[in-house]
N, C-alpha and C. Protein backbone atom coordinates (compact mmCIF):
# COMPACT_ATOMS: atom_id res chain seq x y z
N UNK A 1 -146.67 133.31 76.25
CA UNK A 1 -145.94 134.57 76.20
C UNK A 1 -146.88 135.69 76.61
N UNK A 2 -146.54 136.35 77.67
CA UNK A 2 -147.35 137.47 78.10
C UNK A 2 -146.63 138.78 77.79
N UNK A 3 -147.34 139.87 77.94
CA UNK A 3 -146.81 141.19 77.58
C UNK A 3 -145.64 141.59 78.48
N UNK A 4 -145.66 141.17 79.73
CA UNK A 4 -144.58 141.53 80.65
C UNK A 4 -143.27 140.87 80.21
N UNK A 5 -143.33 139.62 79.77
CA UNK A 5 -142.13 138.94 79.28
C UNK A 5 -141.56 139.66 78.07
N UNK A 6 -142.43 140.08 77.17
CA UNK A 6 -141.99 140.80 75.97
C UNK A 6 -141.34 142.12 76.34
N UNK A 7 -141.91 142.84 77.28
CA UNK A 7 -141.34 144.12 77.70
C UNK A 7 -139.96 143.90 78.32
N UNK A 8 -139.82 142.87 79.15
CA UNK A 8 -138.52 142.56 79.76
C UNK A 8 -137.50 142.24 78.68
N UNK A 9 -137.90 141.46 77.67
CA UNK A 9 -136.99 141.11 76.58
C UNK A 9 -136.55 142.34 75.80
N UNK A 10 -137.49 143.22 75.50
CA UNK A 10 -137.16 144.42 74.72
C UNK A 10 -136.25 145.37 75.49
N UNK A 11 -136.54 145.56 76.77
CA UNK A 11 -135.69 146.44 77.59
C UNK A 11 -134.29 145.83 77.74
N UNK A 12 -134.24 144.52 78.00
CA UNK A 12 -132.93 143.85 78.12
C UNK A 12 -132.18 143.92 76.80
N UNK A 13 -132.89 143.84 75.68
CA UNK A 13 -132.25 143.97 74.38
C UNK A 13 -131.65 145.35 74.16
N UNK A 14 -132.39 146.38 74.55
CA UNK A 14 -131.88 147.75 74.42
C UNK A 14 -130.63 147.94 75.27
N UNK A 15 -130.68 147.44 76.50
CA UNK A 15 -129.51 147.53 77.38
C UNK A 15 -128.35 146.73 76.80
N UNK A 16 -128.64 145.52 76.31
CA UNK A 16 -127.60 144.69 75.72
C UNK A 16 -126.98 145.33 74.49
N UNK A 17 -127.80 145.95 73.65
CA UNK A 17 -127.27 146.64 72.47
C UNK A 17 -126.33 147.77 72.85
N UNK A 18 -126.67 148.51 73.89
CA UNK A 18 -125.80 149.62 74.33
C UNK A 18 -124.54 149.12 75.02
N UNK A 19 -124.65 148.03 75.75
CA UNK A 19 -123.45 147.44 76.36
C UNK A 19 -122.52 146.93 75.26
N UNK A 20 -123.10 146.26 74.27
CA UNK A 20 -122.30 145.79 73.14
C UNK A 20 -121.63 146.93 72.40
N UNK A 21 -122.35 148.04 72.22
CA UNK A 21 -121.77 149.20 71.56
C UNK A 21 -120.64 149.82 72.36
N UNK A 22 -120.76 149.79 73.69
CA UNK A 22 -119.71 150.34 74.54
C UNK A 22 -118.47 149.44 74.53
N UNK A 23 -118.68 148.13 74.49
CA UNK A 23 -117.54 147.20 74.51
C UNK A 23 -116.88 147.08 73.15
N UNK A 24 -117.66 147.18 72.08
CA UNK A 24 -117.15 147.01 70.72
C UNK A 24 -117.34 148.31 69.95
N UNK A 25 -116.56 149.30 70.33
CA UNK A 25 -116.74 150.65 69.79
C UNK A 25 -116.62 150.72 68.26
N UNK A 26 -115.83 149.84 67.66
CA UNK A 26 -115.67 149.88 66.21
C UNK A 26 -116.96 149.48 65.48
N UNK A 27 -117.89 148.81 66.18
CA UNK A 27 -119.15 148.40 65.57
C UNK A 27 -120.34 149.17 66.13
N UNK A 28 -120.09 150.15 66.98
CA UNK A 28 -121.17 150.90 67.62
C UNK A 28 -121.98 151.68 66.58
N UNK A 29 -123.27 151.76 66.81
CA UNK A 29 -124.18 152.48 65.92
C UNK A 29 -124.65 153.79 66.55
N UNK A 30 -124.05 154.17 67.66
CA UNK A 30 -124.52 155.32 68.42
C UNK A 30 -125.59 154.86 69.40
N UNK A 31 -125.93 155.68 70.34
CA UNK A 31 -126.87 155.28 71.39
C UNK A 31 -128.23 154.89 70.83
N UNK A 32 -128.78 155.69 69.94
CA UNK A 32 -130.10 155.39 69.39
C UNK A 32 -130.04 154.15 68.51
N UNK A 33 -129.03 154.05 67.66
CA UNK A 33 -128.89 152.88 66.79
C UNK A 33 -128.67 151.60 67.58
N UNK A 34 -127.83 151.67 68.60
CA UNK A 34 -127.61 150.50 69.46
C UNK A 34 -128.90 150.09 70.16
N UNK A 35 -129.67 151.08 70.61
CA UNK A 35 -130.92 150.79 71.30
C UNK A 35 -131.93 150.13 70.36
N UNK A 36 -132.06 150.67 69.16
CA UNK A 36 -133.03 150.12 68.20
C UNK A 36 -132.62 148.70 67.79
N UNK A 37 -131.35 148.51 67.45
CA UNK A 37 -130.88 147.16 67.09
C UNK A 37 -131.04 146.22 68.28
N UNK A 38 -130.77 146.72 69.47
CA UNK A 38 -130.92 145.90 70.67
C UNK A 38 -132.36 145.52 70.94
N UNK A 39 -133.29 146.43 70.71
CA UNK A 39 -134.71 146.12 70.92
C UNK A 39 -135.15 145.02 69.95
N UNK A 40 -134.77 145.16 68.69
CA UNK A 40 -135.11 144.13 67.70
C UNK A 40 -134.48 142.80 68.10
N UNK A 41 -133.20 142.84 68.43
CA UNK A 41 -132.50 141.62 68.83
C UNK A 41 -133.06 141.03 70.12
N UNK A 42 -133.48 141.88 71.03
CA UNK A 42 -134.06 141.41 72.28
C UNK A 42 -135.35 140.64 72.05
N UNK A 43 -136.18 141.16 71.16
CA UNK A 43 -137.42 140.46 70.83
C UNK A 43 -137.16 139.13 70.17
N UNK A 44 -136.24 139.13 69.20
CA UNK A 44 -135.92 137.89 68.48
C UNK A 44 -135.23 136.89 69.41
N UNK A 45 -134.23 137.35 70.14
CA UNK A 45 -133.48 136.46 71.04
C UNK A 45 -134.35 135.89 72.14
N UNK A 46 -135.21 136.70 72.70
CA UNK A 46 -136.12 136.23 73.74
C UNK A 46 -137.08 135.18 73.23
N UNK A 47 -137.58 135.39 72.02
CA UNK A 47 -138.49 134.41 71.42
C UNK A 47 -137.78 133.09 71.13
N UNK A 48 -136.57 133.18 70.59
CA UNK A 48 -135.81 131.96 70.30
C UNK A 48 -135.49 131.19 71.56
N UNK A 49 -135.04 131.89 72.60
CA UNK A 49 -134.73 131.21 73.86
C UNK A 49 -135.98 130.59 74.46
N UNK A 50 -137.09 131.29 74.40
CA UNK A 50 -138.35 130.76 74.90
C UNK A 50 -138.79 129.52 74.15
N UNK A 51 -138.58 129.52 72.83
CA UNK A 51 -138.94 128.35 72.03
C UNK A 51 -138.05 127.16 72.35
N UNK A 52 -136.77 127.42 72.59
CA UNK A 52 -135.85 126.32 72.91
C UNK A 52 -136.10 125.76 74.30
N UNK A 53 -136.48 126.63 75.24
CA UNK A 53 -136.75 126.17 76.60
C UNK A 53 -138.11 125.51 76.71
N UNK A 54 -138.99 125.78 75.78
CA UNK A 54 -140.33 125.22 75.84
C UNK A 54 -141.29 126.21 76.45
N UNK A 55 -142.51 126.18 76.01
CA UNK A 55 -143.52 127.12 76.49
C UNK A 55 -143.88 126.91 77.94
N UNK A 56 -143.77 125.69 78.44
CA UNK A 56 -144.16 125.40 79.81
C UNK A 56 -143.30 126.11 80.83
N UNK A 57 -142.01 126.21 80.55
CA UNK A 57 -141.10 126.87 81.49
C UNK A 57 -141.42 128.36 81.60
N UNK A 58 -141.72 128.98 80.47
CA UNK A 58 -142.03 130.41 80.49
C UNK A 58 -143.39 130.66 81.12
N UNK A 59 -144.34 129.75 80.89
CA UNK A 59 -145.68 129.95 81.44
C UNK A 59 -145.72 129.77 82.95
N UNK A 60 -144.77 128.99 83.48
CA UNK A 60 -144.75 128.73 84.92
C UNK A 60 -144.42 129.98 85.71
N UNK A 61 -143.73 130.93 85.09
CA UNK A 61 -143.38 132.17 85.77
C UNK A 61 -142.21 131.95 86.71
N UNK A 62 -142.04 132.87 87.65
CA UNK A 62 -140.96 132.74 88.61
C UNK A 62 -139.69 133.42 88.16
N UNK A 63 -138.69 133.31 89.02
CA UNK A 63 -137.43 133.99 88.78
C UNK A 63 -136.68 133.41 87.59
N UNK A 64 -136.77 132.11 87.37
CA UNK A 64 -136.09 131.49 86.22
C UNK A 64 -136.60 132.02 84.90
N UNK A 65 -137.89 132.25 84.83
CA UNK A 65 -138.49 132.79 83.62
C UNK A 65 -138.00 134.22 83.36
N UNK A 66 -137.94 135.02 84.42
CA UNK A 66 -137.49 136.41 84.28
C UNK A 66 -136.03 136.44 83.86
N UNK A 67 -135.19 135.62 84.49
CA UNK A 67 -133.77 135.58 84.13
C UNK A 67 -133.59 135.09 82.70
N UNK A 68 -134.41 134.14 82.28
CA UNK A 68 -134.35 133.66 80.90
C UNK A 68 -134.71 134.76 79.91
N UNK A 69 -135.72 135.56 80.25
CA UNK A 69 -136.11 136.67 79.38
C UNK A 69 -135.00 137.72 79.31
N UNK A 70 -134.39 138.02 80.44
CA UNK A 70 -133.31 139.01 80.47
C UNK A 70 -132.11 138.50 79.67
N UNK A 71 -131.75 137.24 79.88
CA UNK A 71 -130.59 136.67 79.17
C UNK A 71 -130.85 136.62 77.67
N UNK A 72 -132.01 136.10 77.28
CA UNK A 72 -132.32 136.01 75.85
C UNK A 72 -132.38 137.38 75.19
N UNK A 73 -133.01 138.33 75.87
CA UNK A 73 -133.11 139.67 75.32
C UNK A 73 -131.76 140.37 75.24
N UNK A 74 -130.97 140.27 76.29
CA UNK A 74 -129.66 140.93 76.31
C UNK A 74 -128.70 140.37 75.29
N UNK A 75 -128.63 139.05 75.22
CA UNK A 75 -127.73 138.42 74.25
C UNK A 75 -128.20 138.68 72.83
N UNK A 76 -129.51 138.59 72.61
CA UNK A 76 -130.05 138.90 71.28
C UNK A 76 -129.75 140.33 70.88
N UNK A 77 -129.85 141.26 71.82
CA UNK A 77 -129.55 142.66 71.53
C UNK A 77 -128.11 142.87 71.14
N UNK A 78 -127.20 142.21 71.84
CA UNK A 78 -125.78 142.33 71.50
C UNK A 78 -125.51 141.74 70.12
N UNK A 79 -126.06 140.57 69.84
CA UNK A 79 -125.80 139.88 68.57
C UNK A 79 -126.30 140.71 67.39
N UNK A 80 -127.54 141.20 67.47
CA UNK A 80 -128.07 141.98 66.35
C UNK A 80 -127.32 143.30 66.18
N UNK A 81 -126.96 143.96 67.28
CA UNK A 81 -126.17 145.20 67.19
C UNK A 81 -124.84 144.92 66.51
N UNK A 82 -124.21 143.80 66.85
CA UNK A 82 -122.93 143.43 66.26
C UNK A 82 -123.08 143.14 64.77
N UNK A 83 -124.10 142.40 64.39
CA UNK A 83 -124.32 142.09 62.98
C UNK A 83 -124.56 143.36 62.17
N UNK A 84 -125.42 144.24 62.67
CA UNK A 84 -125.69 145.50 61.96
C UNK A 84 -124.43 146.36 61.90
N UNK A 85 -123.66 146.41 62.98
CA UNK A 85 -122.42 147.19 62.99
C UNK A 85 -121.40 146.67 61.99
N UNK A 86 -121.28 145.36 61.89
CA UNK A 86 -120.34 144.77 60.91
C UNK A 86 -120.79 145.11 59.50
N UNK A 87 -122.09 144.96 59.21
CA UNK A 87 -122.60 145.28 57.88
C UNK A 87 -122.37 146.76 57.56
N UNK A 88 -122.63 147.63 58.53
CA UNK A 88 -122.42 149.07 58.33
C UNK A 88 -120.96 149.37 58.03
N UNK A 89 -120.05 148.75 58.76
CA UNK A 89 -118.63 148.98 58.52
C UNK A 89 -118.20 148.45 57.16
N UNK A 90 -118.73 147.31 56.75
CA UNK A 90 -118.37 146.76 55.46
C UNK A 90 -118.87 147.65 54.31
N UNK A 91 -120.05 148.22 54.47
CA UNK A 91 -120.59 149.10 53.43
C UNK A 91 -119.86 150.43 53.39
N UNK A 92 -119.34 150.87 54.52
CA UNK A 92 -118.63 152.14 54.59
C UNK A 92 -117.21 152.07 54.09
N UNK A 93 -116.66 150.88 53.96
CA UNK A 93 -115.27 150.70 53.53
C UNK A 93 -115.14 150.24 52.10
N UNK A 94 -116.04 150.70 51.23
CA UNK A 94 -115.97 150.33 49.82
C UNK A 94 -114.79 151.03 49.18
N UNK A 95 -114.02 150.32 48.36
CA UNK A 95 -112.91 150.97 47.66
C UNK A 95 -113.42 151.94 46.60
N UNK A 96 -112.68 153.00 46.41
CA UNK A 96 -113.06 154.00 45.39
C UNK A 96 -112.86 153.42 44.01
N UNK A 97 -113.82 153.67 43.12
CA UNK A 97 -113.75 153.12 41.78
C UNK A 97 -113.06 154.07 40.83
């Protein structure tokens, strides 16, 4: 894992979080919230995808490695943004006591 792969994953995560927020407005956290959740998800998703694909594929470099980083980061960003948005909505809809 090199620093460039991590940067690609984090940027793809931020973009993925904002795309997820735009598509799923009821779970959106706002631009900054979507970006932060996406960055976290991008890092986690990119690492998980890299671990599943094996270290050799990522170390080889090339276009496949870059696309894998973008896909893992983007999907991870969407997933984490969605999870945080669902939790936020559930906490905001507490019945009055």
